[in-house]
């Protein structure tokens, strides 16, 4: 991985090597932090880097900090402005991943959320595919269960919670799969290790509801809107049983990192004919046109990084 040249740290943009914390900082010891992920896409024709839905991402990011009782003075617009400044400093001309991180810099021992300080850092790195086989991934059902809202809220991107995702992902990779599907405590599908899940069943697009311990994804929200308004698909949010997936007509993951990745096989069983289906193909084509600023109707979702000459 190519390391960043710069980081937003302690209220200003500094060389990356200056963005350091002590080993006793509370987040490093107890996982009491929040992270986010925002994509920026390079459009070669426009010679422009487009940041996708930054205000939506930073609203959710700040909502996640509130779950950890963090008191931060930032607004979504302020964080978006900092990100634009950071990307300009990096002068990136390639697809890029932005990682905001809210953390507790206090160097102290003791598990708690109260009487602590909070700060934010942001970095960016070049980033392509999260799953190499986006057009047809191989998936298994994980033996691990998704964390429950009454344990650690999955609707927040809380650092410590992602140990759950790490168990799920590593077991899937070591078993020869690209990803895993995870069930909640009730036995219904929640999501992937770090992705939202959709399937097409009976010509209807189905996805787990927000009450099934999922992350309320920005890409998930985007997919629902595009499916309904642009592709004429009925979307239903409801609990999904495991065996329904084996009989699905199409299935896919979505998220900022994974983008939109078709699922071709689950537990070695093919989904339909074992290839990316027509709906997912159309959705992917539309999505990638939108994020690269190629669809004027959705320009409000794209924030250009570089001023026009």
C-alpha atoms as a PDB file:
ATOM      1  CA  UNK A   1       0.000   0.000   0.000  1.00  0.00           C
ATOM      2  CA  UNK A   2       1.224   3.488  -0.870  1.00  0.00           C
ATOM      3  CA  UNK A   3       1.375   5.623   2.260  1.00  0.00           C
ATOM      4  CA  UNK A   4      -0.094   9.140   2.211  1.00  0.00           C
ATOM      5  CA  UNK A   5       2.096  12.214   1.963  1.00  0.00           C
ATOM      6  CA  UNK A   6      -0.159  14.223   4.254  1.00  0.00           C
ATOM      7  CA  UNK A   7      -2.666  13.842   7.063  1.00  0.00           C
ATOM      8  CA  UNK A   8      -5.166  16.119   8.723  1.00  0.00           C
ATOM      9  CA  UNK A   9      -4.034  15.948  12.340  1.00  0.00           C
ATOM     10  CA  UNK A  10      -4.590  18.188  15.360  1.00  0.00           C
ATOM     11  CA  UNK A  11      -6.526  20.694  13.296  1.00  0.00           C
ATOM     12  CA  UNK A  12      -4.190  21.114  10.334  1.00  0.00           C
ATOM     13  CA  UNK A  13      -2.689  19.308   7.373  1.00  0.00           C
ATOM     14  CA  UNK A  14       0.781  18.019   8.198  1.00  0.00           C
ATOM     15  CA  UNK A  15       3.279  15.576   6.667  1.00  0.00           C
ATOM     16  CA  UNK A  16       2.005  12.063   7.280  1.00  0.00           C
ATOM     17  CA  UNK A  17       4.987  11.073   9.421  1.00  0.00           C
ATOM     18  CA  UNK A  18       4.058  13.802  11.916  1.00  0.00           C
ATOM     19  CA  UNK A  19       0.612  12.319  12.571  1.00  0.00           C
ATOM     20  CA  UNK A  20       1.488  10.169  15.563  1.00  0.00           C
ATOM     21  CA  UNK A  21      -0.098   9.135  18.844  1.00  0.00           C
ATOM     22  CA  UNK A  22       1.239   7.485  21.990  1.00  0.00           C
ATOM     23  CA  UNK A  23       0.911   3.748  22.516  1.00  0.00           C
ATOM     24  CA  UNK A  24      -1.167   4.370  25.643  1.00  0.00           C
ATOM     25  CA  UNK A  25      -3.820   6.370  23.821  1.00  0.00           C
ATOM     26  CA  UNK A  26      -7.285   5.153  24.773  1.00  0.00           C
ATOM     27  CA  UNK A  27      -8.419   4.157  21.274  1.00  0.00           C
ATOM     28  CA  UNK A  28      -5.336   1.991  20.669  1.00  0.00           C
ATOM     29  CA  UNK A  29      -5.928   0.172  23.940  1.00  0.00           C
ATOM     30  CA  UNK A  30      -9.723  -0.175  24.004  1.00  0.00           C
ATOM     31  CA  UNK A  31     -11.042   0.333  20.466  1.00  0.00           C
ATOM     32  CA  UNK A  32     -12.887   3.502  21.490  1.00  0.00           C
ATOM     33  CA  UNK A  33     -12.821   5.164  18.115  1.00  0.00           C
ATOM     34  CA  UNK A  34     -14.826   5.597  14.945  1.00  0.00           C
ATOM     35  CA  UNK A  35     -13.762   5.421  11.331  1.00  0.00           C
ATOM     36  CA  UNK A  36     -15.337   6.239   8.014  1.00  0.00           C
ATOM     37  CA  UNK A  37     -14.675   5.589   4.356  1.00  0.00           C
ATOM     38  CA  UNK A  38     -15.293   7.946   1.443  1.00  0.00           C
ATOM     39  CA  UNK A  39     -14.381   7.272  -2.174  1.00  0.00           C
ATOM     40  CA  UNK A  40     -13.102   9.748  -4.736  1.00  0.00           C
ATOM     41  CA  UNK A  41     -13.073   8.733  -8.407  1.00  0.00           C
ATOM     42  CA  UNK A  42     -10.784   9.993 -11.166  1.00  0.00           C
ATOM     43  CA  UNK A  43     -12.387  11.007 -14.462  1.00  0.00           C
ATOM     44  CA  UNK A  44      -9.688  10.986 -17.114  1.00  0.00           C
ATOM     45  CA  UNK A  45     -11.734  12.874 -19.691  1.00  0.00           C
ATOM     46  CA  UNK A  46     -12.643  15.690 -17.280  1.00  0.00           C
ATOM     47  CA  UNK A  47      -9.222  15.543 -15.600  1.00  0.00           C
ATOM     48  CA  UNK A  48     -11.145  15.751 -12.372  1.00  0.00           C
ATOM     49  CA  UNK A  49     -11.325  13.840  -9.103  1.00  0.00           C
ATOM     50  CA  UNK A  50     -14.891  13.517  -7.802  1.00  0.00           C
ATOM     51  CA  UNK A  51     -15.587  12.957  -4.099  1.00  0.00           C
ATOM     52  CA  UNK A  52     -18.770  10.898  -3.782  1.00  0.00           C
ATOM     53  CA  UNK A  53     -21.494  11.995  -1.336  1.00  0.00           C
ATOM     54  CA  UNK A  54     -19.097  13.428   1.273  1.00  0.00           C
ATOM     55  CA  UNK A  55     -21.736  15.216   3.348  1.00  0.00           C
ATOM     56  CA  UNK A  56     -23.750  12.013   3.741  1.00  0.00           C
ATOM     57  CA  UNK A  57     -20.632  10.136   4.777  1.00  0.00           C
ATOM     58  CA  UNK A  58     -19.558  12.739   7.291  1.00  0.00           C
ATOM     59  CA  UNK A  59     -23.058  12.975   8.778  1.00  0.00           C
ATOM     60  CA  UNK A  60     -22.961   9.253   9.484  1.00  0.00           C
ATOM     61  CA  UNK A  61     -19.386   9.546  10.734  1.00  0.00           C
ATOM     62  CA  UNK A  62     -20.384  12.189  13.271  1.00  0.00           C
ATOM     63  CA  UNK A  63     -23.467  10.173  14.245  1.00  0.00           C
ATOM     64  CA  UNK A  64     -21.128   7.276  15.016  1.00  0.00           C
ATOM     65  CA  UNK A  65     -19.015   9.503  17.254  1.00  0.00           C
ATOM     66  CA  UNK A  66     -22.136  10.417  19.208  1.00  0.00           C
ATOM     67  CA  UNK A  67     -22.674   6.718  19.982  1.00  0.00           C
ATOM     68  CA  UNK A  68     -19.317   6.835  21.793  1.00  0.00           C
ATOM     69  CA  UNK A  69     -20.206  10.074  23.621  1.00  0.00           C
ATOM     70  CA  UNK A  70     -17.516  11.963  21.717  1.00  0.00           C
ATOM     71  CA  UNK A  71     -17.853  15.733  21.792  1.00  0.00           C
ATOM     72  CA  UNK A  72     -16.513  17.187  18.561  1.00  0.00           C
ATOM     73  CA  UNK A  73     -17.032  20.703  17.174  1.00  0.00           C
ATOM     74  CA  UNK A  74     -16.898  19.699  13.506  1.00  0.00           C
ATOM     75  CA  UNK A  75     -19.757  19.841  11.004  1.00  0.00           C
ATOM     76  CA  UNK A  76     -20.096  17.576   7.946  1.00  0.00           C
ATOM     77  CA  UNK A  77     -19.315  20.550   5.700  1.00  0.00           C
ATOM     78  CA  UNK A  78     -16.158  21.397   7.655  1.00  0.00           C
ATOM     79  CA  UNK A  79     -14.907  17.823   7.347  1.00  0.00           C
ATOM     80  CA  UNK A  80     -15.727  17.800   3.633  1.00  0.00           C
ATOM     81  CA  UNK A  81     -13.774  21.046   3.180  1.00  0.00           C
ATOM     82  CA  UNK A  82     -10.781  19.586   5.021  1.00  0.00           C
ATOM     83  CA  UNK A  83     -10.951  16.487   2.821  1.00  0.00           C
ATOM     84  CA  UNK A  84     -10.946  18.596  -0.336  1.00  0.00           C
ATOM     85  CA  UNK A  85      -7.900  20.501   0.934  1.00  0.00           C
ATOM     86  CA  UNK A  86      -6.167  17.221   1.802  1.00  0.00           C
ATOM     87  CA  UNK A  87      -6.836  15.670  -1.618  1.00  0.00           C
ATOM     88  CA  UNK A  88      -5.551  18.788  -3.336  1.00  0.00           C
ATOM     89  CA  UNK A  89      -2.373  18.584  -1.283  1.00  0.00           C
ATOM     90  CA  UNK A  90      -1.924  14.965  -2.362  1.00  0.00           C
ATOM     91  CA  UNK A  91      -2.619  15.986  -5.993  1.00  0.00           C
ATOM     92  CA  UNK A  92      -4.131  12.597  -6.697  1.00  0.00           C
ATOM     93  CA  UNK A  93      -5.146  11.640 -10.235  1.00  0.00           C
ATOM     94  CA  UNK A  94      -6.443   8.149  -9.516  1.00  0.00           C
ATOM     95  CA  UNK A  95      -9.236   6.454  -7.623  1.00  0.00           C
ATOM     96  CA  UNK A  96      -8.762   7.261  -3.960  1.00  0.00           C
ATOM     97  CA  UNK A  97     -10.053   6.134  -0.584  1.00  0.00           C
ATOM     98  CA  UNK A  98     -10.428   8.680   2.218  1.00  0.00           C
ATOM     99  CA  UNK A  99     -10.244   7.475   5.823  1.00  0.00           C
ATOM    100  CA  UNK A 100     -11.556   9.809   8.551  1.00  0.00           C
ATOM    101  CA  UNK A 101     -10.858   8.599  12.055  1.00  0.00           C
ATOM    102  CA  UNK A 102     -12.201   9.902  15.360  1.00  0.00           C
ATOM    103  CA  UNK A 103     -10.063   8.782  18.262  1.00  0.00           C
ATOM    104  CA  UNK A 104      -9.324   9.379  21.940  1.00  0.00           C
ATOM    105  CA  UNK A 105      -5.781  10.756  22.306  1.00  0.00           C
ATOM    106  CA  UNK A 106      -5.853  10.582  26.127  1.00  0.00           C
ATOM    107  CA  UNK A 107      -3.060   8.338  27.395  1.00  0.00           C
ATOM    108  CA  UNK A 108      -4.807   6.657  30.270  1.00  0.00           C
ATOM    109  CA  UNK A 109      -5.807   3.252  31.608  1.00  0.00           C
ATOM    110  CA  UNK A 110      -9.452   2.508  32.324  1.00  0.00           C
ATOM    111  CA  UNK A 111     -12.368   1.317  30.186  1.00  0.00           C
ATOM    112  CA  UNK A 112     -14.987   4.046  29.806  1.00  0.00           C
ATOM    113  CA  UNK A 113     -16.484   6.583  27.409  1.00  0.00           C
ATOM    114  CA  UNK A 114     -16.905   9.531  29.805  1.00  0.00           C
ATOM    115  CA  UNK A 115     -14.362  12.162  30.875  1.00  0.00           C
ATOM    116  CA  UNK A 116     -12.276  11.693  27.731  1.00  0.00           C
ATOM    117  CA  UNK A 117     -11.253  13.955  24.877  1.00  0.00           C
ATOM    118  CA  UNK A 118     -11.754  13.269  21.172  1.00  0.00           C
ATOM    119  CA  UNK A 119      -9.970  14.341  18.027  1.00  0.00           C
ATOM    120  CA  UNK A 120     -10.165  13.669  14.289  1.00  0.00           C
ATOM    121  CA  UNK A 121      -7.573  12.705  11.714  1.00  0.00           C
ATOM    122  CA  UNK A 122      -8.090  12.149   7.972  1.00  0.00           C
ATOM    123  CA  UNK A 123      -5.828  10.480   5.405  1.00  0.00           C
ATOM    124  CA  UNK A 124      -6.219   9.300   1.807  1.00  0.00           C
ATOM    125  CA  UNK A 125      -4.667   6.487  -0.209  1.00  0.00           C
ATOM    126  CA  UNK A 126      -4.901   5.229  -3.800  1.00  0.00           C
ATOM    127  CA  UNK A 127      -7.469   2.451  -3.835  1.00  0.00           C
ATOM    128  CA  UNK A 128      -8.965   0.155  -6.452  1.00  0.00           C
ATOM    129  CA  UNK A 129     -10.967  -3.000  -5.883  1.00  0.00           C
ATOM    130  CA  UNK A 130     -11.737  -4.355  -2.429  1.00  0.00           C
ATOM    131  CA  UNK A 131     -12.761  -7.709  -3.924  1.00  0.00           C
ATOM    132  CA  UNK A 132     -10.844  -8.644  -7.051  1.00  0.00           C
ATOM    133  CA  UNK A 133     -13.686 -10.727  -8.474  1.00  0.00           C
ATOM    134  CA  UNK A 134     -16.295  -7.944  -8.400  1.00  0.00           C
ATOM    135  CA  UNK A 135     -18.068  -9.444 -11.414  1.00  0.00           C
ATOM    136  CA  UNK A 136     -18.634 -12.793  -9.694  1.00  0.00           C
ATOM    137  CA  UNK A 137     -17.440 -13.393  -6.152  1.00  0.00           C
ATOM    138  CA  UNK A 138     -17.487 -16.669  -4.260  1.00  0.00           C
ATOM    139  CA  UNK A 139     -19.086 -16.460  -0.817  1.00  0.00           C
ATOM    140  CA  UNK A 140     -19.704 -18.675   2.190  1.00  0.00           C
ATOM    141  CA  UNK A 141     -21.890 -18.367   5.274  1.00  0.00           C
ATOM    142  CA  UNK A 142     -19.749 -17.530   8.272  1.00  0.00           C
ATOM    143  CA  UNK A 143     -19.875 -19.524  11.490  1.00  0.00           C
ATOM    144  CA  UNK A 144     -19.543 -16.205  13.350  1.00  0.00           C
ATOM    145  CA  UNK A 145     -22.608 -14.120  14.161  1.00  0.00           C
ATOM    146  CA  UNK A 146     -22.966 -10.390  13.570  1.00  0.00           C
ATOM    147  CA  UNK A 147     -22.602  -8.217  16.662  1.00  0.00           C
ATOM    148  CA  UNK A 148     -25.931  -7.219  18.167  1.00  0.00           C
ATOM    149  CA  UNK A 149     -27.188  -3.673  18.695  1.00  0.00           C
ATOM    150  CA  UNK A 150     -27.353  -4.348  22.442  1.00  0.00           C
ATOM    151  CA  UNK A 151     -23.697  -5.397  22.440  1.00  0.00           C
ATOM    152  CA  UNK A 152     -21.988  -2.993  20.043  1.00  0.00           C
ATOM    153  CA  UNK A 153     -24.215  -1.030  17.613  1.00  0.00           C
ATOM    154  CA  UNK A 154     -23.444  -2.189  14.069  1.00  0.00           C
ATOM    155  CA  UNK A 155     -25.003   1.020  12.699  1.00  0.00           C
ATOM    156  CA  UNK A 156     -21.882   2.840  13.909  1.00  0.00           C
ATOM    157  CA  UNK A 157     -18.455   2.269  12.370  1.00  0.00           C
ATOM    158  CA  UNK A 158     -16.893   1.648  15.768  1.00  0.00           C
ATOM    159  CA  UNK A 159     -13.290   0.493  15.630  1.00  0.00           C
ATOM    160  CA  UNK A 160     -13.517  -2.239  18.270  1.00  0.00           C
ATOM    161  CA  UNK A 161     -16.551  -3.777  16.567  1.00  0.00           C
ATOM    162  CA  UNK A 162     -14.547  -4.622  13.475  1.00  0.00           C
ATOM    163  CA  UNK A 163     -12.755  -7.472  15.223  1.00  0.00           C
ATOM    164  CA  UNK A 164     -16.025  -9.274  14.463  1.00  0.00           C
ATOM    165  CA  UNK A 165     -15.508  -8.484  10.772  1.00  0.00           C
ATOM    166  CA  UNK A 166     -11.874  -9.579  10.951  1.00  0.00           C
ATOM    167  CA  UNK A 167     -12.817 -13.048  12.248  1.00  0.00           C
ATOM    168  CA  UNK A 168     -15.413 -13.370   9.489  1.00  0.00           C
ATOM    169  CA  UNK A 169     -13.171 -12.198   6.645  1.00  0.00           C
ATOM    170  CA  UNK A 170     -10.078 -14.190   7.601  1.00  0.00           C
ATOM    171  CA  UNK A 171     -11.983 -17.452   7.992  1.00  0.00           C
ATOM    172  CA  UNK A 172     -13.619 -16.929   4.586  1.00  0.00           C
ATOM    173  CA  UNK A 173     -10.334 -16.160   2.821  1.00  0.00           C
ATOM    174  CA  UNK A 174      -8.517 -19.074   4.455  1.00  0.00           C
ATOM    175  CA  UNK A 175     -11.338 -21.381   3.340  1.00  0.00           C
ATOM    176  CA  UNK A 176     -10.858 -20.249  -0.269  1.00  0.00           C
ATOM    177  CA  UNK A 177     -13.733 -17.760  -0.601  1.00  0.00           C
ATOM    178  CA  UNK A 178     -13.748 -14.078  -1.498  1.00  0.00           C
ATOM    179  CA  UNK A 179     -16.177 -13.028   1.217  1.00  0.00           C
ATOM    180  CA  UNK A 180     -18.745 -14.249   3.725  1.00  0.00           C
ATOM    181  CA  UNK A 181     -22.383 -13.693   4.571  1.00  0.00           C
ATOM    182  CA  UNK A 182     -23.136 -13.250   8.253  1.00  0.00           C
ATOM    183  CA  UNK A 183     -26.267 -14.173  10.184  1.00  0.00           C
ATOM    184  CA  UNK A 184     -27.575 -12.250  13.169  1.00  0.00           C
ATOM    185  CA  UNK A 185     -28.567 -13.853  16.466  1.00  0.00           C
ATOM    186  CA  UNK A 186     -32.057 -14.560  15.054  1.00  0.00           C
ATOM    187  CA  UNK A 187     -30.597 -16.548  12.163  1.00  0.00           C
ATOM    188  CA  UNK A 188     -31.403 -13.964   9.496  1.00  0.00           C
ATOM    189  CA  UNK A 189     -28.896 -12.518   7.072  1.00  0.00           C
ATOM    190  CA  UNK A 190     -27.324  -9.322   8.319  1.00  0.00           C
ATOM    191  CA  UNK A 191     -24.574  -8.393   5.845  1.00  0.00           C
ATOM    192  CA  UNK A 192     -21.117  -9.392   4.646  1.00  0.00           C
ATOM    193  CA  UNK A 193     -17.987  -8.945   6.734  1.00  0.00           C
ATOM    194  CA  UNK A 194     -18.084  -5.231   5.886  1.00  0.00           C
ATOM    195  CA  UNK A 195     -20.695  -4.859   3.135  1.00  0.00           C
ATOM    196  CA  UNK A 196     -24.443  -4.567   2.768  1.00  0.00           C
ATOM    197  CA  UNK A 197     -26.290  -7.379   0.978  1.00  0.00           C
ATOM    198  CA  UNK A 198     -29.004  -7.430  -1.697  1.00  0.00           C
ATOM    199  CA  UNK A 199     -30.650 -10.200  -3.677  1.00  0.00           C
ATOM    200  CA  UNK A 200     -33.160 -10.363  -6.501  1.00  0.00           C
ATOM    201  CA  UNK A 201     -36.003 -12.766  -5.745  1.00  0.00           C
ATOM    202  CA  UNK A 202     -39.144 -13.023  -7.858  1.00  0.00           C
ATOM    203  CA  UNK A 203     -38.109  -9.902  -9.754  1.00  0.00           C
ATOM    204  CA  UNK A 204     -37.993  -7.878  -6.517  1.00  0.00           C
ATOM    205  CA  UNK A 205     -34.854  -6.421  -4.945  1.00  0.00           C
ATOM    206  CA  UNK A 206     -34.652  -7.546  -1.314  1.00  0.00           C
ATOM    207  CA  UNK A 207     -32.296  -6.364   1.433  1.00  0.00           C
ATOM    208  CA  UNK A 208     -32.169  -6.813   5.233  1.00  0.00           C
ATOM    209  CA  UNK A 209     -33.805  -4.026   7.268  1.00  0.00           C
ATOM    210  CA  UNK A 210     -31.777  -1.618   9.391  1.00  0.00           C
ATOM    211  CA  UNK A 211     -33.020  -3.482  12.489  1.00  0.00           C
ATOM    212  CA  UNK A 212     -31.089  -6.642  11.523  1.00  0.00           C
ATOM    213  CA  UNK A 213     -27.764  -5.285  12.820  1.00  0.00           C
ATOM    214  CA  UNK A 214     -26.531  -3.790   9.576  1.00  0.00           C
ATOM    215  CA  UNK A 215     -24.531  -0.687   8.855  1.00  0.00           C
ATOM    216  CA  UNK A 216     -26.876   1.913   7.393  1.00  0.00           C
ATOM    217  CA  UNK A 217     -24.704   2.287   4.319  1.00  0.00           C
ATOM    218  CA  UNK A 218     -24.493   5.310   2.045  1.00  0.00           C
ATOM    219  CA  UNK A 219     -23.967   3.005  -0.938  1.00  0.00           C
ATOM    220  CA  UNK A 220     -26.928   0.925   0.240  1.00  0.00           C
ATOM    221  CA  UNK A 221     -29.061   4.082   0.213  1.00  0.00           C
ATOM    222  CA  UNK A 222     -27.719   4.931  -3.246  1.00  0.00           C
ATOM    223  CA  UNK A 223     -28.546   1.470  -4.590  1.00  0.00           C
ATOM    224  CA  UNK A 224     -32.116   1.612  -3.271  1.00  0.00           C
ATOM    225  CA  UNK A 225     -32.718   4.978  -4.920  1.00  0.00           C
ATOM    226  CA  UNK A 226     -31.177   3.956  -8.247  1.00  0.00           C
ATOM    227  CA  UNK A 227     -33.036   0.648  -8.306  1.00  0.00           C
ATOM    228  CA  UNK A 228     -36.387   2.311  -7.700  1.00  0.00           C
ATOM    229  CA  UNK A 229     -36.069   5.532  -9.679  1.00  0.00           C
ATOM    230  CA  UNK A 230     -33.743   4.610 -12.549  1.00  0.00           C
ATOM    231  CA  UNK A 231     -34.055   0.848 -13.058  1.00  0.00           C
ATOM    232  CA  UNK A 232     -37.743   0.393 -12.240  1.00  0.00           C
ATOM    233  CA  UNK A 233     -37.190  -2.203  -9.545  1.00  0.00           C
ATOM    234  CA  UNK A 234     -39.397  -2.728  -6.495  1.00  0.00           C
ATOM    235  CA  UNK A 235     -37.263  -2.722  -3.325  1.00  0.00           C
ATOM    236  CA  UNK A 236     -38.318  -4.544  -0.152  1.00  0.00           C
ATOM    237  CA  UNK A 237     -36.527  -4.387   3.193  1.00  0.00           C
ATOM    238  CA  UNK A 238     -37.290  -7.528   5.213  1.00  0.00           C
ATOM    239  CA  UNK A 239     -35.599 -10.371   7.110  1.00  0.00           C
ATOM    240  CA  UNK A 240     -33.912 -12.873   4.793  1.00  0.00           C
ATOM    241  CA  UNK A 241     -33.462 -16.577   5.569  1.00  0.00           C
ATOM    242  CA  UNK A 242     -30.240 -18.347   4.678  1.00  0.00           C
ATOM    243  CA  UNK A 243     -31.741 -20.774   2.153  1.00  0.00           C
ATOM    244  CA  UNK A 244     -33.465 -17.968   0.275  1.00  0.00           C
ATOM    245  CA  UNK A 245     -30.049 -16.874  -0.957  1.00  0.00           C
ATOM    246  CA  UNK A 246     -29.365 -20.268  -2.537  1.00  0.00           C
ATOM    247  CA  UNK A 247     -32.512 -19.788  -4.638  1.00  0.00           C
ATOM    248  CA  UNK A 248     -31.994 -16.127  -5.507  1.00  0.00           C
ATOM    249  CA  UNK A 249     -31.995 -14.947  -9.112  1.00  0.00           C
ATOM    250  CA  UNK A 250     -29.142 -12.506  -8.435  1.00  0.00           C
ATOM    251  CA  UNK A 251     -27.193 -11.342  -5.397  1.00  0.00           C
ATOM    252  CA  UNK A 252     -24.579  -8.724  -4.654  1.00  0.00           C
ATOM    253  CA  UNK A 253     -22.672  -6.808  -2.004  1.00  0.00           C
ATOM    254  CA  UNK A 254     -22.426  -3.042  -1.875  1.00  0.00           C
ATOM    255  CA  UNK A 255     -20.486  -0.520   0.150  1.00  0.00           C
ATOM    256  CA  UNK A 256     -17.963   2.275  -0.200  1.00  0.00           C
ATOM    257  CA  UNK A 257     -15.060  -0.140  -0.129  1.00  0.00           C
ATOM    258  CA  UNK A 258     -16.553  -3.050  -2.075  1.00  0.00           C
ATOM    259  CA  UNK A 259     -18.524  -0.723  -4.424  1.00  0.00           C
ATOM    260  CA  UNK A 260     -20.970  -3.126  -6.122  1.00  0.00           C
ATOM    261  CA  UNK A 261     -19.775  -6.722  -6.311  1.00  0.00           C
ATOM    262  CA  UNK A 262     -21.834  -9.512  -7.831  1.00  0.00           C
ATOM    263  CA  UNK A 263     -22.124 -12.792  -5.929  1.00  0.00           C
ATOM    264  CA  UNK A 264     -21.836 -15.780  -8.260  1.00  0.00           C
ATOM    265  CA  UNK A 265     -21.603 -18.690  -5.797  1.00  0.00           C
ATOM    266  CA  UNK A 266     -22.611 -19.225  -2.171  1.00  0.00           C
ATOM    267  CA  UNK A 267     -21.177 -22.286  -0.413  1.00  0.00           C
ATOM    268  CA  UNK A 268     -20.184 -23.619  -3.862  1.00  0.00           C
ATOM    269  CA  UNK A 269     -23.806 -23.354  -5.027  1.00  0.00           C
ATOM    270  CA  UNK A 270     -24.290 -21.167  -8.109  1.00  0.00           C
ATOM    271  CA  UNK A 271     -26.612 -18.193  -7.886  1.00  0.00           C
ATOM    272  CA  UNK A 272     -28.821 -18.794 -10.963  1.00  0.00           C
ATOM    273  CA  UNK A 273     -26.290 -19.642 -13.712  1.00  0.00           C
ATOM    274  CA  UNK A 274     -23.280 -18.707 -11.582  1.00  0.00           C
ATOM    275  CA  UNK A 275     -22.603 -15.454 -13.404  1.00  0.00           C
ATOM    276  CA  UNK A 276     -23.333 -11.786 -12.802  1.00  0.00           C
ATOM    277  CA  UNK A 277     -26.994 -11.211 -13.581  1.00  0.00           C
ATOM    278  CA  UNK A 278     -28.543  -8.536 -15.833  1.00  0.00           C
ATOM    279  CA  UNK A 279     -29.817  -6.305 -13.031  1.00  0.00           C
ATOM    280  CA  UNK A 280     -26.478  -6.213 -11.226  1.00  0.00           C
ATOM    281  CA  UNK A 281     -24.733  -5.539 -14.523  1.00  0.00           C
ATOM    282  CA  UNK A 282     -26.983  -2.549 -15.267  1.00  0.00           C
ATOM    283  CA  UNK A 283     -26.674  -1.279 -11.706  1.00  0.00           C
ATOM    284  CA  UNK A 284     -22.875  -1.472 -11.782  1.00  0.00           C
ATOM    285  CA  UNK A 285     -22.694   0.342 -15.106  1.00  0.00           C
ATOM    286  CA  UNK A 286     -24.934   3.143 -13.856  1.00  0.00           C
ATOM    287  CA  UNK A 287     -23.174   3.383 -10.490  1.00  0.00           C
ATOM    288  CA  UNK A 288     -19.694   3.721 -11.966  1.00  0.00           C
ATOM    289  CA  UNK A 289     -20.895   6.332 -14.429  1.00  0.00           C
ATOM    290  CA  UNK A 290     -22.405   8.320 -11.579  1.00  0.00           C
ATOM    291  CA  UNK A 291     -19.399   8.216  -9.240  1.00  0.00           C
ATOM    292  CA  UNK A 292     -17.115   9.369 -12.066  1.00  0.00           C
ATOM    293  CA  UNK A 293     -19.297  12.380 -12.723  1.00  0.00           C
ATOM    294  CA  UNK A 294     -20.621  11.099 -16.048  1.00  0.00           C
ATOM    295  CA  UNK A 295     -24.337  11.397 -15.250  1.00  0.00           C
ATOM    296  CA  UNK A 296     -25.464  15.067 -15.055  1.00  0.00           C
ATOM    297  CA  UNK A 297     -28.648  14.132 -13.189  1.00  0.00           C
ATOM    298  CA  UNK A 298     -26.555  13.072 -10.194  1.00  0.00           C
ATOM    299  CA  UNK A 299     -23.892  15.772 -10.203  1.00  0.00           C
ATOM    300  CA  UNK A 300     -25.097  16.909  -6.758  1.00  0.00           C
ATOM    301  CA  UNK A 301     -23.572  13.713  -5.360  1.00  0.00           C
ATOM    302  CA  UNK A 302     -20.152  14.512  -6.827  1.00  0.00           C
ATOM    303  CA  UNK A 303     -17.862  17.163  -5.358  1.00  0.00           C
ATOM    304  CA  UNK A 304     -15.017  18.114  -7.742  1.00  0.00           C
ATOM    305  CA  UNK A 305     -11.669  18.413  -6.026  1.00  0.00           C
ATOM    306  CA  UNK A 306      -9.712  20.548  -8.458  1.00  0.00           C
ATOM    307  CA  UNK A 307     -10.853  24.043  -9.540  1.00  0.00           C
ATOM    308  CA  UNK A 308     -11.472  24.501 -13.231  1.00  0.00           C
ATOM    309  CA  UNK A 309      -8.592  26.193 -15.022  1.00  0.00           C
END
